[in-house]
N, C-alpha and C. Protein backbone atom coordinates (compact mmCIF):
# COMPACT_ATOMS: atom_id res chain seq x y z
N MET A 1 1.17 -0.83 -0.11
CA MET A 1 -0.18 -0.18 0.08
C MET A 1 0.89 1.18 0.43
N SER A 2 0.23 2.22 -1.13
CA SER A 2 1.66 3.48 -1.07
C SER A 2 1.40 4.04 0.34
N ASP A 3 2.03 5.13 1.03
CA ASP A 3 2.09 6.18 1.28
C ASP A 3 1.24 7.14 0.67
N VAL A 4 0.54 7.44 1.93
CA VAL A 4 -0.60 9.12 1.03
C VAL A 4 0.06 10.34 0.84
N SER A 5 1.01 10.32 1.02
CA SER A 5 2.54 11.37 0.74
C SER A 5 2.93 11.25 -0.83
N ASP A 6 2.57 9.67 -1.47
CA ASP A 6 2.66 10.01 -2.62
C ASP A 6 1.87 10.07 -3.77
N PHE A 7 0.75 10.70 -3.13
CA PHE A 7 -0.64 11.57 -4.05
C PHE A 7 -0.33 12.42 -3.90
N ILE A 8 0.51 13.22 -3.09
CA ILE A 8 0.58 14.84 -2.70
C ILE A 8 1.48 15.65 -3.15
N ARG A 9 1.27 16.31 -4.60
CA ARG A 9 2.33 16.66 -4.85
C ARG A 9 2.00 18.66 -4.69
N SER A 10 2.86 19.06 -4.12
CA SER A 10 2.76 20.48 -3.19
C SER A 10 2.93 21.61 -4.39
N ASP A 11 3.36 21.32 -5.43
CA ASP A 11 3.72 22.37 -6.49
C ASP A 11 3.73 22.41 -7.32
N VAL A 12 2.52 21.87 -7.56
CA VAL A 12 0.77 21.52 -8.40
C VAL A 12 0.14 22.74 -8.50
N PRO A 13 -0.26 23.89 -9.05
CA PRO A 13 -1.19 24.68 -9.17
C PRO A 13 -2.69 24.14 -9.55
N PRO A 14 -4.13 24.77 -8.74
CA PRO A 14 -4.97 23.92 -9.55
C PRO A 14 -5.26 24.60 -10.88
N SER A 15 -6.51 23.82 -11.40
CA SER A 15 -6.49 23.64 -12.15
C SER A 15 -7.27 24.73 -13.65
N GLY A 16 -8.31 25.42 -11.78
CA GLY A 16 -9.01 26.75 -12.23
C GLY A 16 -9.54 27.19 -10.95
N PRO A 17 -10.79 28.36 -11.44
CA PRO A 17 -11.24 28.61 -10.10
C PRO A 17 -12.50 27.69 -10.06
N GLY A 18 -13.08 27.19 -10.52
CA GLY A 18 -14.41 25.77 -10.81
C GLY A 18 -13.75 24.97 -11.19
N CYS A 19 -14.91 23.73 -11.30
CA CYS A 19 -14.81 22.42 -11.72
C CYS A 19 -14.56 22.36 -13.28
N VAL A 20 -13.51 22.14 -13.06
CA VAL A 20 -13.29 21.52 -15.04
C VAL A 20 -14.41 21.58 -15.73
N ASP A 21 -14.74 20.05 -14.80
CA ASP A 21 -15.76 19.20 -15.87
C ASP A 21 -17.07 19.58 -15.81
N CYS A 22 -17.70 20.63 -15.20
CA CYS A 22 -18.84 20.95 -14.91
C CYS A 22 -19.03 22.26 -16.00
N GLU A 23 -17.99 22.71 -15.92
CA GLU A 23 -17.46 24.36 -17.49
C GLU A 23 -17.59 23.78 -18.22
N SER A 24 -17.16 22.12 -18.68
CA SER A 24 -17.36 21.89 -20.07
C SER A 24 -19.03 21.67 -20.39
N LEU A 25 -19.55 21.48 -19.35
CA LEU A 25 -21.02 21.06 -19.66
C LEU A 25 -21.83 22.18 -19.24
N GLY A 26 -21.14 23.21 -18.85
CA GLY A 26 -21.87 24.13 -18.63
C GLY A 26 -23.41 24.31 -17.45
N SER A 27 -22.51 23.53 -16.60
CA SER A 27 -23.51 22.99 -15.76
C SER A 27 -22.58 24.07 -14.46
N TRP A 28 -23.11 23.99 -13.17
CA TRP A 28 -22.90 24.31 -11.60
C TRP A 28 -22.73 23.26 -10.75
N TRP A 29 -21.94 23.83 -9.95
CA TRP A 29 -21.52 22.92 -8.29
C TRP A 29 -22.21 23.90 -7.40
N LEU A 30 -21.70 22.45 -5.84
CA LEU A 30 -22.04 23.25 -4.70
C LEU A 30 -21.17 23.83 -3.77
N HIS A 31 -19.85 23.11 -3.99
CA HIS A 31 -18.73 22.72 -3.07
C HIS A 31 -17.47 22.10 -4.27
N LEU A 32 -16.18 22.62 -3.95
CA LEU A 32 -15.13 22.29 -5.00
C LEU A 32 -14.04 22.30 -4.20
N ARG A 33 -13.73 20.88 -4.79
CA ARG A 33 -12.43 20.00 -4.19
C ARG A 33 -11.21 19.84 -5.35
N ARG A 34 -9.80 19.79 -5.07
CA ARG A 34 -8.88 20.40 -5.09
C ARG A 34 -7.57 18.45 -5.25
N CYS A 35 -7.92 18.19 -6.70
CA CYS A 35 -7.16 16.88 -6.44
C CYS A 35 -5.43 17.53 -5.93
N ALA A 36 -4.81 16.84 -5.06
CA ALA A 36 -3.74 17.31 -4.07
C ALA A 36 -2.82 16.96 -5.06
N PHE A 37 -2.79 15.78 -5.86
CA PHE A 37 -1.73 15.02 -7.10
C PHE A 37 -1.66 16.34 -8.38
N CYS A 38 -2.86 16.45 -8.99
CA CYS A 38 -2.69 17.18 -10.63
C CYS A 38 -3.57 17.94 -10.44
N GLY A 39 -3.78 19.06 -9.78
CA GLY A 39 -4.88 20.05 -9.16
C GLY A 39 -5.89 20.12 -9.96
N HIS A 40 -6.63 18.85 -10.14
CA HIS A 40 -7.95 19.13 -10.91
C HIS A 40 -9.17 19.72 -9.55
N ILE A 41 -9.52 20.51 -10.74
CA ILE A 41 -10.87 20.86 -9.61
C ILE A 41 -12.14 20.08 -9.79
N GLY A 42 -12.75 19.90 -9.32
CA GLY A 42 -13.77 19.23 -9.35
C GLY A 42 -15.05 19.00 -8.11
N CYS A 43 -16.02 19.15 -8.51
CA CYS A 43 -17.47 19.19 -7.66
C CYS A 43 -17.20 19.00 -6.53
N CYS A 44 -18.15 18.35 -5.73
CA CYS A 44 -18.07 17.79 -4.07
C CYS A 44 -19.06 16.60 -4.52
N ASP A 45 -18.80 15.59 -3.55
CA ASP A 45 -20.45 14.84 -3.58
C ASP A 45 -21.69 15.18 -3.18
N ASP A 46 -22.00 16.72 -2.85
CA ASP A 46 -23.19 16.98 -2.55
C ASP A 46 -23.55 18.08 -4.01
N SER A 47 -22.47 17.68 -5.26
CA SER A 47 -23.06 18.32 -6.26
C SER A 47 -23.88 17.27 -7.15
N LEU A 48 -24.18 17.74 -8.22
CA LEU A 48 -25.14 16.96 -9.02
C LEU A 48 -24.21 16.17 -9.87
N HIS A 49 -22.69 16.63 -9.93
CA HIS A 49 -22.05 15.52 -10.76
C HIS A 49 -21.22 14.88 -10.26
N LYS A 50 -20.74 15.06 -9.42
CA LYS A 50 -19.27 14.30 -8.05
C LYS A 50 -18.60 14.21 -8.88
N HIS A 51 -17.88 15.35 -9.52
CA HIS A 51 -16.71 15.17 -10.24
C HIS A 51 -15.43 14.89 -9.91
N ALA A 52 -15.17 15.40 -8.27
CA ALA A 52 -13.75 15.55 -7.47
C ALA A 52 -13.67 13.84 -7.37
N THR A 53 -14.96 13.13 -7.25
CA THR A 53 -15.27 11.71 -7.11
C THR A 53 -14.64 11.36 -8.14
N LYS A 54 -15.39 11.30 -9.46
CA LYS A 54 -15.18 10.67 -10.06
C LYS A 54 -13.12 10.52 -10.74
N HIS A 55 -13.17 11.74 -10.76
CA HIS A 55 -11.70 11.55 -11.17
C HIS A 55 -10.51 11.37 -10.45
N ALA A 56 -10.92 10.93 -8.79
CA ALA A 56 -10.03 10.24 -8.02
C ALA A 56 -10.25 8.53 -8.16
N HIS A 57 -11.16 8.63 -8.77
CA HIS A 57 -11.23 6.88 -9.22
C HIS A 57 -10.84 6.21 -10.40
N SER A 58 -11.69 7.29 -11.35
CA SER A 58 -10.48 7.39 -12.95
C SER A 58 -9.47 7.22 -12.90
N SER A 59 -8.74 8.47 -12.06
CA SER A 59 -7.69 8.46 -12.27
C SER A 59 -6.27 8.05 -10.90
N GLY A 60 -6.90 7.67 -10.17
CA GLY A 60 -6.17 6.95 -9.10
C GLY A 60 -5.44 8.03 -8.39
N HIS A 61 -5.95 8.88 -8.26
CA HIS A 61 -5.34 10.09 -7.54
C HIS A 61 -6.42 10.53 -5.96
N ARG A 62 -5.62 9.35 -5.47
CA ARG A 62 -6.71 9.23 -4.61
C ARG A 62 -7.07 10.09 -2.91
N VAL A 63 -6.36 11.62 -3.38
CA VAL A 63 -6.15 12.74 -2.14
C VAL A 63 -7.14 13.99 -2.94
N ILE A 64 -7.67 14.36 -1.81
CA ILE A 64 -8.55 15.89 -2.13
C ILE A 64 -8.48 16.56 -1.24
N GLN A 65 -8.28 17.86 -1.55
CA GLN A 65 -8.47 18.40 -0.30
C GLN A 65 -9.32 20.03 -0.86
N SER A 66 -10.19 20.42 0.03
CA SER A 66 -11.25 21.31 -0.25
C SER A 66 -10.90 22.68 -1.15
N PHE A 67 -11.58 22.82 -1.81
CA PHE A 67 -11.02 24.30 -2.44
C PHE A 67 -11.95 25.13 -2.18
N GLU A 68 -12.17 25.49 -0.80
CA GLU A 68 -13.29 26.01 -0.40
C GLU A 68 -12.85 27.22 0.38
N PRO A 69 -13.36 28.67 0.58
CA PRO A 69 -12.17 29.40 1.30
C PRO A 69 -12.21 28.94 2.74
N GLY A 70 -10.88 29.49 3.31
CA GLY A 70 -11.03 29.23 5.27
C GLY A 70 -11.15 27.68 5.06
N GLU A 71 -11.35 26.78 4.20
CA GLU A 71 -11.11 25.42 4.51
C GLU A 71 -9.89 24.63 3.93
N ASP A 72 -8.43 24.04 4.63
CA ASP A 72 -7.38 23.31 4.10
C ASP A 72 -7.78 21.60 4.40
N TRP A 73 -8.70 21.26 4.60
CA TRP A 73 -8.59 20.10 4.99
C TRP A 73 -8.53 19.36 3.79
N PHE A 74 -8.03 17.42 3.90
CA PHE A 74 -7.69 16.34 3.43
C PHE A 74 -8.46 15.81 3.57
N TRP A 75 -8.49 14.81 2.12
CA TRP A 75 -9.62 12.94 1.62
C TRP A 75 -8.63 12.64 1.49
N ASP A 76 -8.44 11.02 1.84
CA ASP A 76 -7.93 10.13 1.16
C ASP A 76 -8.99 9.43 1.25
N PHE A 77 -9.26 9.17 -0.76
CA PHE A 77 -10.53 7.96 -1.25
C PHE A 77 -10.07 6.42 -0.61
N ASP A 78 -8.72 6.28 -0.69
CA ASP A 78 -8.29 4.97 -0.09
C ASP A 78 -9.00 4.89 1.17
N THR A 79 -8.53 5.59 2.50
CA THR A 79 -8.70 5.16 3.56
C THR A 79 -10.02 5.61 3.53
N GLU A 80 -10.61 6.78 3.16
CA GLU A 80 -11.62 7.51 3.81
C GLU A 80 -11.93 7.95 5.09
N THR A 81 -10.78 8.92 5.19
CA THR A 81 -10.51 9.35 6.23
C THR A 81 -9.95 10.80 5.74
N ALA A 82 -9.84 11.39 7.11
CA ALA A 82 -9.75 13.14 6.37
C ALA A 82 -8.74 13.80 7.27
N PHE A 83 -7.51 14.26 6.72
CA PHE A 83 -6.11 14.25 7.79
C PHE A 83 -6.10 16.11 7.32
N ASP A 84 -4.83 16.45 7.87
CA ASP A 84 -4.05 17.54 8.35
C ASP A 84 -2.81 17.21 7.01
N GLY A 85 -2.94 18.12 5.88
CA GLY A 85 -1.56 17.36 4.85
C GLY A 85 -0.89 19.04 4.62
N PRO A 86 -0.06 18.91 3.62
CA PRO A 86 1.19 19.81 3.24
C PRO A 86 0.44 21.27 2.68
N VAL A 87 0.78 22.50 2.91
CA VAL A 87 0.24 23.70 1.83
C VAL A 87 0.40 23.50 0.52
N LEU A 88 -0.75 23.49 -0.14
CA LEU A 88 -0.22 23.48 -1.85
C LEU A 88 -0.17 25.23 -2.38
N ALA A 89 0.65 24.44 -3.42
CA ALA A 89 0.61 25.60 -4.41
C ALA A 89 -1.01 26.18 -4.70
N PRO A 90 -0.58 27.99 -4.24
CA PRO A 90 -1.65 28.52 -4.70
C PRO A 90 -2.23 29.31 -6.12
N PRO A 91 -3.34 29.31 -6.00
CA PRO A 91 -4.42 29.41 -5.49
C PRO A 91 -5.00 28.90 -4.35
N HIS A 92 -5.22 28.64 -2.82
CA HIS A 92 -5.85 27.59 -2.26
C HIS A 92 -7.48 27.36 -2.06
N SER A 93 -8.13 28.67 -2.73
CA SER A 93 -9.67 28.41 -2.57
C SER A 93 -9.93 29.20 -4.29
N HIS A 94 -11.27 28.85 -4.57
CA HIS A 94 -11.55 29.54 -5.20
C HIS A 94 -12.13 31.20 -5.10
N PRO A 95 -12.09 31.89 -5.64
CA PRO A 95 -12.22 33.69 -5.63
C PRO A 95 -13.03 33.65 -4.41
N LEU A 96 -13.45 34.77 -4.03
CA LEU A 96 -14.05 35.07 -2.52
C LEU A 96 -15.54 35.48 -3.15
N SER A 97 -14.93 36.25 -4.25
CA SER A 97 -16.45 36.92 -5.31
C SER A 97 -17.42 35.80 -6.03
N GLN A 98 -16.48 34.41 -6.29
CA GLN A 98 -17.43 33.47 -6.52
C GLN A 98 -18.39 32.84 -5.11
N THR A 99 -19.75 32.64 -6.09
CA THR A 99 -20.81 32.08 -5.37
C THR A 99 -20.47 30.89 -4.83
N THR A 100 -21.37 30.83 -3.72
CA THR A 100 -21.40 29.30 -3.84
C THR A 100 -22.90 28.91 -2.91
N PRO A 101 -23.71 28.50 -3.69
CA PRO A 101 -23.03 27.80 -5.22
C PRO A 101 -22.79 28.28 -6.36
N GLY A 102 -22.08 28.24 -7.31
CA GLY A 102 -21.30 28.95 -8.77
C GLY A 102 -21.30 28.08 -9.97
N PRO A 103 -21.04 28.68 -10.39
CA PRO A 103 -21.29 30.28 -10.64
C PRO A 103 -22.18 30.87 -11.05
N ALA A 104 -22.71 31.72 -10.33
CA ALA A 104 -24.31 32.60 -10.11
C ALA A 104 -24.91 32.40 -11.26
N GLU A 105 -24.48 32.85 -12.56
CA GLU A 105 -24.95 33.25 -13.39
C GLU A 105 -25.55 31.41 -13.79
N ARG A 106 -25.22 30.67 -13.35
CA ARG A 106 -25.66 29.19 -14.10
C ARG A 106 -26.64 28.20 -12.70
N VAL A 107 -26.72 28.81 -11.43
CA VAL A 107 -27.00 28.46 -10.82
C VAL A 107 -28.99 28.50 -11.33
N PRO A 108 -29.83 27.39 -10.82
CA PRO A 108 -31.28 27.12 -11.37
C PRO A 108 -31.61 28.09 -9.75
N ALA A 109 -32.74 28.60 -9.90
CA ALA A 109 -33.42 29.19 -8.47
C ALA A 109 -33.85 27.35 -7.82
N ASP A 110 -34.35 26.76 -8.05
CA ASP A 110 -34.42 25.80 -7.70
C ASP A 110 -33.28 24.29 -7.37
N TRP A 111 -31.83 25.47 -7.18
CA TRP A 111 -31.02 24.46 -6.73
C TRP A 111 -30.85 23.74 -5.58
N GLN A 112 -31.64 23.93 -4.46
CA GLN A 112 -31.86 22.94 -3.51
C GLN A 112 -32.75 22.32 -3.93
N GLU A 113 -33.49 22.17 -4.50
CA GLU A 113 -34.46 20.83 -4.93
C GLU A 113 -33.87 20.25 -5.57
N GLN A 114 -32.68 20.85 -6.68
CA GLN A 114 -32.31 19.33 -7.16
C GLN A 114 -30.80 18.50 -6.87
N LEU A 115 -30.46 19.23 -5.77
CA LEU A 115 -29.99 18.71 -4.74
C LEU A 115 -30.35 17.70 -4.22
N ALA A 116 -31.41 17.80 -3.44
CA ALA A 116 -31.57 17.02 -2.64
C ALA A 116 -32.63 15.80 -3.36
N GLY A 117 -32.80 15.94 -4.91
CA GLY A 117 -33.89 14.84 -5.76
C GLY A 117 -32.67 14.19 -5.92
N ASN A 118 -30.85 14.62 -5.63
CA ASN A 118 -29.49 13.93 -6.33
C ASN A 118 -28.95 12.90 -4.83
N ALA A 119 -29.45 13.00 -3.72
CA ALA A 119 -28.82 12.46 -2.96
C ALA A 119 -28.85 10.99 -3.16
C-alpha cells in the first residue's frame, strides 16, 4: 500500500477557479475539491455531478483537498479518512467573489430541490 504522501504534489497549481468538468458541461456546483496530485478542480459529492470523486476513481489520484475559502482539510479516498496535509501551491480556494453554489449565472432558482433529488 502506498503512503498518502505519494499522492500529494505541493508544487502543482489548481486547474482553475471552478469545476473543470462542470465548466465543459455548462453546469454548476455546490462546493469544490482539488486533486492533491494533479490540481484538477472538481465538484463535491453534494453537487449534481460529483466530479471530484469521479476524477479520483478514474485517475487513481486518491487524495483531495477542499477548495473552499477558509478550509484546508484533505481526504483520502483509499482509507476514507480526513487528515491535515501540507500547504499546496496557490491559490488555495476559489475566488471569494465566486458564489456558493456557483457560478452564480448558471445556478438555477430550484438548486436546493435539484440537490435534494440527487442525494
